[in-house]
């Protein structure tokens, strides 16, 4: 339902959307996210969390999981699944010090089932496979080095992303500082995290959540700060985006983009991926006011009955963009100015060495699928630890699952390069196609996975490379390729030129028509097909692209121009048409 500016929005919201979802009861009864988590921690009968706590731990940055590869065998042995948690850290802008890195490396080695560190599309790291007896130790270890996992999951504003741009150091530093300020401003104020995990003193207090509210947001909320022309954080995957506008290298304000999001549900045409809308320009001093205004408007107007339609993108389409924007202006006490011109021309990360304007060097390492582990021929995790022992700058995790060794003085460059090559962190044979391919975790740990993604991608890319070579595609050319094990969007397949979305074991929906800049949603081309069938389709399509493309025309643009797939302009109207 869309309404105009003169309509009484509260009357519209009062119309029947249905009863509140059970998650709303859960949040209301949680005593500001405490629940009975502490009691559950003392329960040694099960390795998992029970009842509401299964959901509540998400607000503390954790998901309960189990190893699905061994689930059936444990059932045969009359054992419960091997319950454990995945933790996602809160790292606004993805910057971490070498000292912090060594601490998380040690914890992953000593206290997780898999021993790995996973760099994620949310520009942070995840621990996978932490058993219940080690959970409190994990939080206390992170706290000791200045890291937490508050609000990295659940119905809150999650880890704030920021363009990973160590080259333009002064502009990036300004943008990064705003990412941190936004993160802190929108954090939950409850003391639950400190009380439960850090043994914080329990004081008699009335918790208040002036921005998030006592029942928090209707659904998850994602925020970014991006520096054009590099769309390395995929703005259209996020609810709220601050596009940096600079003058002579100095940040002067932001264009504000609202309502992006990629998740959908198979078979439910009321769900769809959506681009964000440009609301206009704001000066720097109004940044936090606008952030709070967008969040509180979504808090009050979002759908709390149907969680599948609860995100900001659906609120915009139901209420109307102009009405939502007017309410944000009213709450923030500012009128948006006309958007300042900007353009996105690139995505991904520029792998290899680059020199910054400050004379320091930066090494962007390609980490396939973001998985840092010691493989037999590539001890990647040990390699990063060895670099951390001597590095004087910082590390920057990217939203594309890679890692930047930033701020390297010229005197140290050769030594770090040698270490990176010794441990397999630099591999000159990695193709552009592999660098521009990405997958979510999926099996064996993600409970939502319907098909493989992380374990599927490497071999699949090899086969795509063979097709490209067969048709004479240049080694410096590639297609933005992404795979997700389910339709929830973690691998951002719905902003790829070729997006595979898991439907069942060994089967995917094939989407085509995104673009290099990440400003267009792809559309489903073939449904529920095997990887062999996908490769057959890509063989034919890539062959056509190489022969028929215009000069400099990307694969996604080609599929739109030639009518292979229809363009998605308005998602609500076009995506399922």
Protein backbone atom coordinates (compact mmCIF):
# COMPACT_ATOMS: atom_id res chain seq x y z
CA UNK A 1 0.00 0.00 0.00
CA UNK A 2 1.34 3.44 -0.95
CA UNK A 3 -0.01 6.71 0.43
CA UNK A 4 0.54 10.41 -0.20
CA UNK A 5 1.93 13.05 2.14
CA UNK A 6 -1.49 14.20 3.35
CA UNK A 7 -2.62 10.78 4.55
CA UNK A 8 -2.68 10.08 8.28
CA UNK A 9 0.10 7.51 8.48
CA UNK A 10 -0.99 6.27 11.89
CA UNK A 11 -4.40 5.39 10.46
CA UNK A 12 -2.71 3.39 7.73
CA UNK A 13 -0.53 1.63 10.26
CA UNK A 14 -3.63 0.89 12.29
CA UNK A 15 -5.09 -1.11 9.45
CA UNK A 16 -4.91 -4.83 9.93
CA UNK A 17 -1.44 -6.17 9.20
CA UNK A 18 -2.08 -9.19 11.35
CA UNK A 19 -1.14 -10.18 14.91
CA UNK A 20 2.34 -9.35 16.14
CA UNK A 21 4.96 -11.96 15.34
CA UNK A 22 6.25 -14.07 18.21
CA UNK A 23 9.59 -12.29 18.00
CA UNK A 24 7.81 -9.17 19.28
CA UNK A 25 6.60 -11.06 22.36
CA UNK A 26 10.08 -12.45 22.84
CA UNK A 27 11.72 -9.01 22.80
CA UNK A 28 9.08 -7.48 25.05
CA UNK A 29 9.48 -10.20 27.67
CA UNK A 30 13.30 -10.35 27.46
CA UNK A 31 14.00 -7.68 30.11
CA UNK A 32 16.03 -5.69 27.60
CA UNK A 33 17.73 -8.69 25.99
CA UNK A 34 18.65 -10.56 29.19
CA UNK A 35 16.11 -13.36 29.04
CA UNK A 36 17.36 -16.37 30.97
CA UNK A 37 20.66 -16.59 29.11
CA UNK A 38 22.68 -16.71 32.33
CA UNK A 39 20.68 -19.69 33.59
CA UNK A 40 21.10 -21.44 30.24
CA UNK A 41 24.87 -21.05 30.50
CA UNK A 42 24.78 -23.13 33.68
CA UNK A 43 22.79 -25.96 32.05
CA UNK A 44 25.27 -28.74 31.31
CA UNK A 45 22.64 -31.18 30.04
CA UNK A 46 22.51 -29.52 26.62
CA UNK A 47 25.15 -27.77 24.56
CA UNK A 48 22.57 -25.37 23.18
CA UNK A 49 20.32 -22.55 24.30
CA UNK A 50 16.64 -23.15 24.95
CA UNK A 51 13.35 -21.42 24.23
CA UNK A 52 13.66 -17.64 23.72
CA UNK A 53 17.37 -17.60 24.45
CA UNK A 54 18.05 -19.30 21.11
CA UNK A 55 16.91 -16.03 19.51
CA UNK A 56 18.09 -13.60 22.19
CA UNK A 57 21.78 -14.54 21.92
CA UNK A 58 21.67 -13.06 18.42
CA UNK A 59 21.37 -9.58 19.92
CA UNK A 60 24.67 -10.39 21.64
CA UNK A 61 26.31 -11.22 18.32
CA UNK A 62 25.91 -15.00 18.23
CA UNK A 63 24.01 -17.64 16.31
CA UNK A 64 23.49 -21.16 17.59
CA UNK A 65 24.62 -23.69 14.98
CA UNK A 66 25.69 -27.29 14.66
CA UNK A 67 27.82 -29.29 12.25
CA UNK A 68 25.31 -30.49 9.67
CA UNK A 69 27.84 -32.89 8.17
CA UNK A 70 27.63 -35.06 11.28
CA UNK A 71 24.05 -34.35 12.38
CA UNK A 72 22.59 -37.59 10.98
CA UNK A 73 25.34 -39.72 12.50
CA UNK A 74 24.83 -38.14 15.92
CA UNK A 75 21.10 -38.78 15.64
CA UNK A 76 21.82 -42.47 14.99
CA UNK A 77 23.95 -42.49 18.13
CA UNK A 78 21.03 -40.89 20.05
CA UNK A 79 23.09 -37.75 20.63
CA UNK A 80 21.83 -34.20 20.25
CA UNK A 81 23.38 -32.15 17.42
CA UNK A 82 26.86 -30.80 18.19
CA UNK A 83 25.57 -27.41 19.30
CA UNK A 84 27.99 -24.50 19.18
CA UNK A 85 27.86 -20.79 18.43
CA UNK A 86 29.16 -18.56 15.70
CA UNK A 87 30.19 -15.10 16.91
CA UNK A 88 30.39 -12.03 14.68
CA UNK A 89 32.47 -9.19 16.10
CA UNK A 90 31.54 -5.51 16.01
CA UNK A 91 34.29 -3.76 14.06
CA UNK A 92 33.00 -0.51 12.49
CA UNK A 93 34.92 0.03 9.26
CA UNK A 94 36.73 -3.28 9.69
CA UNK A 95 39.93 -1.87 11.24
CA UNK A 96 41.82 -4.07 13.69
CA UNK A 97 45.30 -3.72 15.23
CA UNK A 98 48.02 -6.39 14.96
CA UNK A 99 47.82 -6.92 18.73
CA UNK A 100 44.10 -7.56 18.52
CA UNK A 101 44.64 -9.86 15.56
CA UNK A 102 47.10 -12.04 17.43
CA UNK A 103 44.62 -12.39 20.28
CA UNK A 104 41.76 -13.52 18.04
CA UNK A 105 44.14 -15.85 16.19
CA UNK A 106 45.09 -17.52 19.47
CA UNK A 107 41.46 -17.89 20.56
CA UNK A 108 40.46 -19.41 17.21
CA UNK A 109 43.31 -21.91 17.48
CA UNK A 110 42.71 -22.95 21.06
CA UNK A 111 38.96 -22.67 21.60
CA UNK A 112 37.03 -23.28 18.36
CA UNK A 113 36.09 -26.52 16.64
CA UNK A 114 37.45 -25.45 13.26
CA UNK A 115 40.46 -23.33 14.18
CA UNK A 116 39.69 -20.74 11.51
CA UNK A 117 39.01 -17.02 11.34
CA UNK A 118 36.29 -16.14 8.82
CA UNK A 119 36.31 -12.70 7.20
CA UNK A 120 32.75 -11.79 6.29
CA UNK A 121 30.78 -9.59 3.92
CA UNK A 122 29.89 -7.49 7.00
CA UNK A 123 33.52 -6.28 7.14
CA UNK A 124 34.40 -8.11 10.32
CA UNK A 125 35.51 -11.53 11.50
CA UNK A 126 33.58 -14.52 12.77
CA UNK A 127 34.50 -17.35 15.09
CA UNK A 128 32.83 -20.62 14.15
CA UNK A 129 32.41 -23.62 16.42
CA UNK A 130 32.59 -22.21 19.96
CA UNK A 131 31.21 -24.68 22.52
CA UNK A 132 29.11 -23.50 25.44
CA UNK A 133 31.87 -23.77 28.11
CA UNK A 134 34.02 -21.35 26.06
CA UNK A 135 31.42 -18.71 25.23
CA UNK A 136 31.95 -16.45 28.22
CA UNK A 137 35.72 -16.81 27.82
CA UNK A 138 35.34 -15.69 24.21
CA UNK A 139 33.52 -12.49 25.15
CA UNK A 140 35.94 -11.71 27.95
CA UNK A 141 38.93 -12.33 25.68
CA UNK A 142 37.52 -9.89 23.14
CA UNK A 143 36.69 -7.34 25.82
CA UNK A 144 40.28 -7.39 27.07
CA UNK A 145 41.48 -6.25 23.64
CA UNK A 146 38.75 -3.66 23.10
CA UNK A 147 36.35 -5.66 20.92
CA UNK A 148 32.76 -6.71 21.49
CA UNK A 149 29.92 -8.34 19.54
CA UNK A 150 27.07 -6.13 20.66
CA UNK A 151 24.32 -5.82 18.05
CA UNK A 152 26.01 -7.66 15.21
CA UNK A 153 22.87 -9.77 14.80
CA UNK A 154 19.21 -9.49 15.80
CA UNK A 155 16.70 -6.70 15.23
CA UNK A 156 19.14 -3.83 15.63
CA UNK A 157 21.56 -1.75 13.59
CA UNK A 158 24.42 -4.10 12.79
CA UNK A 159 28.15 -3.61 12.14
CA UNK A 160 28.61 -0.32 10.27
CA UNK A 161 30.60 -0.73 7.06
CA UNK A 162 33.02 1.81 5.61
CA UNK A 163 34.90 1.90 2.32
CA UNK A 164 38.31 0.27 2.77
CA UNK A 165 40.39 3.07 1.31
CA UNK A 166 43.87 3.31 2.83
CA UNK A 167 45.23 5.17 -0.22
CA UNK A 168 43.31 8.43 0.32
CA UNK A 169 44.23 8.30 3.98
CA UNK A 170 42.84 11.64 5.21
CA UNK A 171 39.43 11.26 3.55
CA UNK A 172 39.17 7.64 4.66
CA UNK A 173 40.04 8.57 8.23
CA UNK A 174 37.21 11.12 8.29
CA UNK A 175 34.72 8.63 6.84
CA UNK A 176 35.89 5.92 9.24
CA UNK A 177 35.43 8.22 12.25
CA UNK A 178 31.82 8.81 11.16
CA UNK A 179 31.28 5.06 10.79
CA UNK A 180 32.38 4.63 14.41
CA UNK A 181 30.20 7.51 15.61
CA UNK A 182 27.14 6.10 13.84
CA UNK A 183 27.81 2.67 15.30
CA UNK A 184 28.04 4.00 18.84
CA UNK A 185 25.01 6.27 18.42
CA UNK A 186 22.76 3.42 17.31
CA UNK A 187 23.96 0.76 19.76
CA UNK A 188 21.56 -0.76 22.30
CA UNK A 189 21.91 0.97 25.67
CA UNK A 190 20.93 -2.04 27.81
CA UNK A 191 23.56 -3.34 30.23
CA UNK A 192 22.63 -6.93 29.40
CA UNK A 193 25.80 -7.67 27.44
CA UNK A 194 28.14 -6.51 30.23
CA UNK A 195 26.13 -8.24 32.94
CA UNK A 196 25.94 -11.62 31.23
CA UNK A 197 29.27 -11.97 29.48
CA UNK A 198 31.64 -9.66 31.33
CA UNK A 199 30.32 -10.30 34.84
CA UNK A 200 29.30 -6.66 35.03
CA UNK A 201 27.74 -5.41 38.22
CA UNK A 202 23.95 -5.73 38.23
CA UNK A 203 22.57 -2.39 39.29
CA UNK A 204 19.01 -1.35 40.01
CA UNK A 205 18.17 0.67 36.93
CA UNK A 206 15.41 1.28 34.49
CA UNK A 207 16.78 0.43 31.08
CA UNK A 208 15.89 2.84 28.29
CA UNK A 209 16.37 2.54 24.56
CA UNK A 210 15.69 6.06 23.23
CA UNK A 211 16.48 5.15 19.61
CA UNK A 212 15.82 1.42 19.30
CA UNK A 213 12.82 1.26 21.64
CA UNK A 214 11.89 -1.33 24.24
CA UNK A 215 11.07 -3.93 21.58
CA UNK A 216 13.96 -2.87 19.32
CA UNK A 217 13.51 -2.79 15.53
CA UNK A 218 11.03 -4.80 13.47
CA UNK A 219 13.92 -6.51 11.69
CA UNK A 220 17.68 -6.30 11.16
CA UNK A 221 19.06 -2.97 9.96
CA UNK A 222 22.30 -2.34 8.07
CA UNK A 223 24.26 0.90 7.66
CA UNK A 224 27.29 1.94 5.60
CA UNK A 225 29.61 4.85 4.88
CA UNK A 226 30.95 4.77 1.33
CA UNK A 227 33.48 6.87 -0.57
CA UNK A 228 32.73 7.11 -4.33
CA UNK A 229 33.70 6.08 -6.92
CA UNK A 230 34.40 2.79 -5.12
CA UNK A 231 31.27 0.84 -4.17
CA UNK A 232 33.20 -1.81 -2.27
CA UNK A 233 30.53 -2.15 0.41
CA UNK A 234 27.56 -2.58 -1.96
CA UNK A 235 25.35 0.28 -0.82
CA UNK A 236 22.20 -1.22 -2.33
CA UNK A 237 22.41 -4.17 0.05
CA UNK A 238 21.81 -1.90 3.05
CA UNK A 239 18.98 -0.02 4.78
CA UNK A 240 20.91 3.22 5.30
CA UNK A 241 23.94 4.50 3.43
CA UNK A 242 25.99 7.67 3.80
CA UNK A 243 27.72 8.47 0.49
CA UNK A 244 30.72 10.68 1.20
CA UNK A 245 30.81 13.99 -0.67
CA UNK A 246 34.24 15.61 -0.63
CA UNK A 247 35.60 18.97 -1.72
CA UNK A 248 39.36 19.24 -2.32
CA UNK A 249 39.92 16.02 -0.39
CA UNK A 250 37.90 17.09 2.65
CA UNK A 251 34.59 15.54 3.67
CA UNK A 252 31.77 18.12 3.57
CA UNK A 253 28.67 15.95 3.94
CA UNK A 254 26.78 12.91 2.73
CA UNK A 255 24.14 11.91 0.24
CA UNK A 256 21.76 9.63 2.13
CA UNK A 257 20.47 6.42 0.50
CA UNK A 258 17.67 4.50 2.22
CA UNK A 259 15.88 1.21 1.66
CA UNK A 260 18.30 -1.23 0.09
CA UNK A 261 18.21 -4.93 0.89
CA UNK A 262 18.77 -8.28 -0.80
CA UNK A 263 16.98 -10.97 1.19
CA UNK A 264 13.89 -12.70 -0.17
CA UNK A 265 11.96 -15.93 0.32
CA UNK A 266 11.64 -18.64 -2.30
CA UNK A 267 8.07 -18.80 -3.62
CA UNK A 268 6.91 -15.62 -1.87
CA UNK A 269 6.40 -12.87 -4.43
CA UNK A 270 5.81 -10.28 -1.70
CA UNK A 271 9.57 -10.47 -1.03
CA UNK A 272 12.30 -9.17 -3.31
CA UNK A 273 15.74 -7.56 -3.39
CA UNK A 274 15.64 -3.77 -3.71
CA UNK A 275 17.91 -0.83 -4.51
CA UNK A 276 18.21 2.02 -2.04
CA UNK A 277 16.60 5.40 -2.81
CA UNK A 278 18.61 8.65 -2.75
CA UNK A 279 16.96 11.02 -0.27
CA UNK A 280 19.41 13.89 -0.81
CA UNK A 281 22.41 15.68 0.71
CA UNK A 282 23.04 16.59 4.35
CA UNK A 283 25.90 18.50 6.03
CA UNK A 284 28.18 16.57 8.37
CA UNK A 285 26.73 17.99 11.57
CA UNK A 286 23.32 16.42 10.84
CA UNK A 287 24.66 12.90 10.25
CA UNK A 288 23.73 11.40 13.61
CA UNK A 289 20.34 13.14 13.64
CA UNK A 290 19.50 11.68 10.24
CA UNK A 291 20.75 8.22 11.28
CA UNK A 292 18.49 8.29 14.34
CA UNK A 293 15.55 9.66 12.36
CA UNK A 294 15.70 6.92 9.73
CA UNK A 295 16.06 4.21 12.38
CA UNK A 296 13.23 5.53 14.57
CA UNK A 297 10.91 5.95 11.58
CA UNK A 298 11.53 2.35 10.59
CA UNK A 299 11.16 1.37 14.27
CA UNK A 300 7.70 2.94 14.45
CA UNK A 301 6.41 2.21 10.94
CA UNK A 302 7.97 -1.15 10.09
CA UNK A 303 5.87 -4.30 9.84
CA UNK A 304 5.94 -6.17 13.16
CA UNK A 305 3.43 -8.79 12.04
CA UNK A 306 5.18 -10.40 9.08
CA UNK A 307 8.94 -10.62 9.50
CA UNK A 308 9.35 -11.44 5.83
CA UNK A 309 8.03 -7.95 5.05
CA UNK A 310 9.56 -6.16 8.02
CA UNK A 311 12.70 -4.56 6.58
CA UNK A 312 13.00 -0.88 5.66
CA UNK A 313 12.67 -1.59 1.93
CA UNK A 314 9.13 -2.89 2.43
CA UNK A 315 8.21 0.02 4.69
CA UNK A 316 9.20 2.43 1.92
CA UNK A 317 7.14 0.57 -0.65
CA UNK A 318 4.14 0.27 1.67
CA UNK A 319 4.12 3.80 3.06
CA UNK A 320 5.61 5.62 0.09
CA UNK A 321 9.09 7.09 -0.34
CA UNK A 322 7.96 10.73 -0.09
CA UNK A 323 6.03 10.14 3.13
CA UNK A 324 8.91 8.23 4.75
CA UNK A 325 11.38 10.93 3.69
CA UNK A 326 9.16 13.72 5.04
CA UNK A 327 8.94 11.97 8.41
CA UNK A 328 12.74 11.61 8.55
CA UNK A 329 13.10 15.33 7.84
CA UNK A 330 10.58 16.15 10.57
CA UNK A 331 12.32 13.99 13.16
CA UNK A 332 15.82 15.21 12.25
CA UNK A 333 14.82 18.87 11.96
CA UNK A 334 16.38 19.32 8.54
CA UNK A 335 15.34 19.39 4.90
CA UNK A 336 17.40 17.27 2.54
CA UNK A 337 19.23 19.31 -0.06
CA UNK A 338 19.48 18.16 -3.67
CA UNK A 339 21.87 15.24 -4.01
CA UNK A 340 25.42 16.16 -4.91
CA UNK A 341 26.77 14.41 -8.03
CA UNK A 342 28.69 11.17 -7.55
CA UNK A 343 29.28 7.98 -9.50
CA UNK A 344 30.20 4.42 -8.65
CA UNK A 345 32.59 2.92 -11.19
CA UNK A 346 34.25 0.02 -9.36
CA UNK A 347 33.59 -2.68 -6.80
CA UNK A 348 35.67 -5.37 -5.21
CA UNK A 349 39.15 -4.80 -3.81
CA UNK A 350 42.28 -3.85 -5.72
CA UNK A 351 44.47 -6.81 -4.83
CA UNK A 352 48.21 -6.26 -4.39
CA UNK A 353 50.39 -3.35 -3.32
CA UNK A 354 49.32 0.30 -3.55
CA UNK A 355 51.01 3.48 -2.35
CA UNK A 356 48.96 5.98 -0.37
CA UNK A 357 49.11 9.75 -0.58
CA UNK A 358 50.94 9.69 2.76
CA UNK A 359 53.82 7.69 1.27
CA UNK A 360 52.93 4.48 3.10
CA UNK A 361 52.17 1.21 1.32
CA UNK A 362 49.15 -1.05 1.58
CA UNK A 363 48.88 -4.72 0.63
CA UNK A 364 45.42 -6.07 -0.18
CA UNK A 365 45.41 -9.85 0.18
CA UNK A 366 42.88 -11.98 -1.68
CA UNK A 367 41.42 -14.47 0.82
CA UNK A 368 39.16 -16.89 -1.04
CA UNK A 369 35.78 -16.93 0.69
CA UNK A 370 37.38 -15.06 3.60
CA UNK A 371 38.44 -18.32 5.26
CA UNK A 372 41.75 -17.98 7.10
CA UNK A 373 42.97 -21.45 7.97
CA UNK A 374 46.23 -23.35 7.65
CA UNK A 375 45.79 -25.51 4.55
CA UNK A 376 48.42 -28.17 3.72
CA UNK A 377 49.91 -26.11 0.89
CA UNK A 378 48.91 -22.65 2.15
CA UNK A 379 49.21 -21.89 5.89
CA UNK A 380 47.24 -18.66 5.49
CA UNK A 381 46.25 -18.16 9.12
CA UNK A 382 49.82 -18.60 10.36
CA UNK A 383 51.02 -16.22 7.67
CA UNK A 384 48.79 -13.38 8.83
CA UNK A 385 49.89 -14.01 12.42
CA UNK A 386 53.55 -13.80 11.41
CA UNK A 387 52.88 -10.50 9.66
CA UNK A 388 50.99 -9.24 12.73
CA UNK A 389 54.07 -9.87 14.87
CA UNK A 390 56.11 -7.28 12.92
CA UNK A 391 53.51 -4.96 11.36
CA UNK A 392 53.36 -1.42 12.79
CA UNK A 393 50.24 -0.25 10.97
CA UNK A 394 46.78 -1.81 11.06
CA UNK A 395 44.75 -4.50 9.32
CA UNK A 396 41.58 -3.68 7.41
CA UNK A 397 38.97 -6.32 6.79
CA UNK A 398 36.98 -5.60 3.65
CA UNK A 399 33.32 -6.18 2.84
CA UNK A 400 34.54 -8.53 0.09
CA UNK A 401 36.11 -10.98 2.55
CA UNK A 402 39.68 -9.80 1.94
CA UNK A 403 42.36 -8.35 4.23
CA UNK A 404 44.47 -5.22 3.78
CA UNK A 405 47.83 -4.85 5.50
CA UNK A 406 47.69 -1.06 5.79
CA UNK A 407 50.22 1.60 6.70
CA UNK A 408 53.41 -0.26 5.77
CA UNK A 409 56.52 1.97 5.70
CA UNK A 410 58.79 1.56 2.68
CA UNK A 411 61.50 0.05 4.90
CA UNK A 412 59.20 -2.84 5.87
CA UNK A 413 57.53 -3.48 2.52
CA UNK A 414 59.97 -6.12 1.23
CA UNK A 415 59.85 -8.11 4.47
CA UNK A 416 56.06 -8.22 4.56
CA UNK A 417 55.91 -9.11 0.88
CA UNK A 418 58.30 -12.00 1.49
CA UNK A 419 56.23 -13.32 4.41
CA UNK A 420 53.01 -13.04 2.42
CA UNK A 421 54.47 -15.05 -0.45
CA UNK A 422 56.06 -17.61 1.86
CA UNK A 423 52.69 -18.43 3.46
CA UNK A 424 50.67 -18.39 0.25
CA UNK A 425 48.91 -15.09 0.97
CA UNK A 426 50.16 -13.71 -2.34
CA UNK A 427 49.50 -15.91 -5.35
CA UNK A 428 50.23 -14.27 -8.69
CA UNK A 429 48.32 -17.01 -10.53
CA UNK A 430 44.92 -16.07 -9.05
CA UNK A 431 42.65 -14.95 -11.88
CA UNK A 432 40.58 -11.78 -12.04
CA UNK A 433 37.51 -14.02 -12.16
CA UNK A 434 38.39 -15.65 -8.84
CA UNK A 435 39.06 -12.25 -7.27
CA UNK A 436 35.59 -11.12 -8.33
CA UNK A 437 33.74 -14.19 -7.05
CA UNK A 438 32.28 -14.54 -3.58
CA UNK A 439 30.17 -16.93 -1.50
CA UNK A 440 28.50 -17.08 1.89
CA UNK A 441 29.39 -19.76 4.46
CA UNK A 442 26.42 -22.14 3.91
CA UNK A 443 27.17 -25.80 4.77
CA UNK A 444 28.15 -27.28 7.16
CA UNK A 445 27.52 -24.63 9.82
CA UNK A 446 24.72 -22.34 8.63
CA UNK A 447 21.32 -23.71 9.67
CA UNK A 448 19.58 -21.83 6.83
CA UNK A 449 21.67 -23.25 4.00
CA UNK A 450 19.78 -25.10 1.27
CA UNK A 451 22.80 -25.67 -0.98
CA UNK A 452 26.59 -25.43 -0.81
CA UNK A 453 28.25 -22.05 -1.34
CA UNK A 454 31.71 -21.60 0.24
CA UNK A 455 32.78 -25.18 -0.45
CA UNK A 456 31.17 -25.10 -3.90
CA UNK A 457 32.67 -21.87 -5.22
CA UNK A 458 36.38 -22.68 -5.78
CA UNK A 459 35.83 -25.59 -8.19
CA UNK A 460 32.93 -23.82 -9.87
CA UNK A 461 35.12 -20.77 -10.58
CA UNK A 462 37.75 -23.06 -12.11
CA UNK A 463 35.12 -24.36 -14.53
CA UNK A 464 33.96 -20.81 -15.35
CA UNK A 465 37.60 -19.87 -16.02
CA UNK A 466 37.82 -22.76 -18.50
CA UNK A 467 34.73 -21.48 -20.32
CA UNK A 468 36.18 -17.97 -20.48
CA UNK A 469 39.47 -19.27 -21.84
CA UNK A 470 37.63 -21.38 -24.42
CA UNK A 471 35.92 -18.26 -25.78
CA UNK A 472 39.09 -16.15 -25.75
CA UNK A 473 38.18 -13.80 -22.93
CA UNK A 474 41.14 -11.69 -21.82
CA UNK A 475 42.91 -12.58 -18.57
CA UNK A 476 42.19 -9.11 -17.20
CA UNK A 477 38.44 -9.51 -17.71
CA UNK A 478 35.88 -11.09 -15.41
CA UNK A 479 32.24 -11.38 -14.43
CA UNK A 480 31.01 -10.50 -10.94
CA UNK A 481 29.91 -13.94 -9.71
CA UNK A 482 28.37 -14.70 -6.35
CA UNK A 483 26.82 -17.73 -4.69
CA UNK A 484 24.54 -17.92 -1.67
CA UNK A 485 23.32 -21.11 -0.06
CA UNK A 486 19.85 -19.65 0.59
CA UNK A 487 17.90 -16.53 -0.43
CA UNK A 488 18.84 -14.48 2.65
CA UNK A 489 21.49 -12.51 0.80
CA UNK A 490 24.67 -12.89 2.88
CA UNK A 491 26.82 -13.46 -0.23
CA UNK A 492 25.16 -10.49 -2.01
CA UNK A 493 24.29 -12.56 -5.09
CA UNK A 494 21.43 -10.17 -5.80
CA UNK A 495 23.94 -7.49 -6.83
CA UNK A 496 26.03 -9.76 -9.07
CA UNK A 497 26.19 -10.05 -12.84
CA UNK A 498 25.76 -13.79 -12.30
CA UNK A 499 24.06 -14.71 -9.04
CA UNK A 500 23.43 -18.26 -7.85
CA UNK A 501 20.90 -18.69 -5.03
CA UNK A 502 20.65 -22.09 -3.34
CA UNK A 503 17.35 -23.91 -3.78
CA UNK A 504 18.23 -27.48 -2.71
CA UNK A 505 21.38 -29.62 -2.42
CA UNK A 506 23.14 -29.30 -5.78
CA UNK A 507 20.50 -26.96 -7.23
CA UNK A 508 20.37 -23.17 -7.65
CA UNK A 509 18.33 -20.38 -9.16
CA UNK A 510 20.42 -18.57 -11.78
CA UNK A 511 20.07 -14.78 -11.85
CA UNK A 512 21.48 -12.49 -14.54
CA UNK A 513 21.62 -8.77 -15.24
CA UNK A 514 23.42 -7.02 -12.41
CA UNK A 515 26.20 -4.59 -13.32
CA UNK A 516 29.81 -3.88 -12.43
CA UNK A 517 29.00 -0.83 -10.32
CA UNK A 518 26.53 -2.76 -8.14
CA UNK A 519 23.61 -0.45 -8.87
CA UNK A 520 21.24 -2.96 -10.53
CA UNK A 521 19.44 -6.02 -9.16
CA UNK A 522 19.64 -9.15 -11.36
CA UNK A 523 16.57 -11.15 -12.38
CA UNK A 524 15.97 -14.90 -12.32
CA UNK A 525 16.91 -16.50 -15.65
CA UNK A 526 16.59 -20.20 -14.81
CA UNK A 527 15.04 -21.81 -11.73
CA UNK A 528 16.18 -24.81 -9.71
CA UNK A 529 18.93 -26.09 -12.02
CA UNK A 530 22.12 -28.06 -11.36
CA UNK A 531 25.64 -26.71 -11.50
CA UNK A 532 26.16 -28.65 -14.74
CA UNK A 533 23.15 -26.94 -16.29
CA UNK A 534 24.38 -23.56 -15.04
CA UNK A 535 27.75 -24.10 -16.69
CA UNK A 536 26.05 -25.07 -19.94
CA UNK A 537 24.04 -21.85 -19.85
CA UNK A 538 27.11 -19.76 -19.04
CA UNK A 539 29.07 -21.42 -21.85
CA UNK A 540 26.49 -20.29 -24.37
CA UNK A 541 26.01 -16.82 -22.84
CA UNK A 542 29.70 -16.02 -22.43
CA UNK A 543 30.30 -17.13 -26.01
CA UNK A 544 27.66 -14.65 -27.19
CA UNK A 545 29.04 -11.90 -24.97
CA UNK A 546 32.56 -12.21 -26.34
CA UNK A 547 31.32 -12.12 -29.96
CA UNK A 548 28.51 -9.56 -29.75
CA UNK A 549 29.43 -7.09 -27.01
CA UNK A 550 30.06 -3.42 -27.50
CA UNK A 551 33.47 -2.08 -26.57
CA UNK A 552 33.90 -2.14 -22.79
CA UNK A 553 30.45 -3.64 -22.22
CA UNK A 554 30.17 -5.75 -19.09
CA UNK A 555 28.47 -9.14 -19.08
CA UNK A 556 25.47 -7.93 -17.07
CA UNK A 557 24.92 -4.90 -19.30
CA UNK A 558 25.14 -7.18 -22.34
CA UNK A 559 22.42 -9.49 -21.06
CA UNK A 560 20.11 -6.50 -20.59
CA UNK A 561 20.85 -4.81 -23.94
CA UNK A 562 20.36 -7.96 -25.97
CA UNK A 563 17.12 -8.94 -24.23
CA UNK A 564 18.51 -12.10 -22.66
CA UNK A 565 17.01 -10.90 -19.40
CA UNK A 566 14.66 -8.00 -18.58
CA UNK A 567 16.01 -5.11 -16.53
CA UNK A 568 14.83 -4.74 -12.94
CA UNK A 569 14.07 -1.04 -12.53
CA UNK A 570 11.42 -1.13 -9.79
CA UNK A 571 11.86 -4.32 -7.80
CA UNK A 572 8.32 -4.57 -6.46
CA UNK A 573 7.00 -4.44 -10.02
CA UNK A 574 9.77 -6.04 -12.08
CA UNK A 575 11.59 -8.66 -10.04
CA UNK A 576 8.93 -11.37 -10.19
CA UNK A 577 7.29 -10.24 -13.46
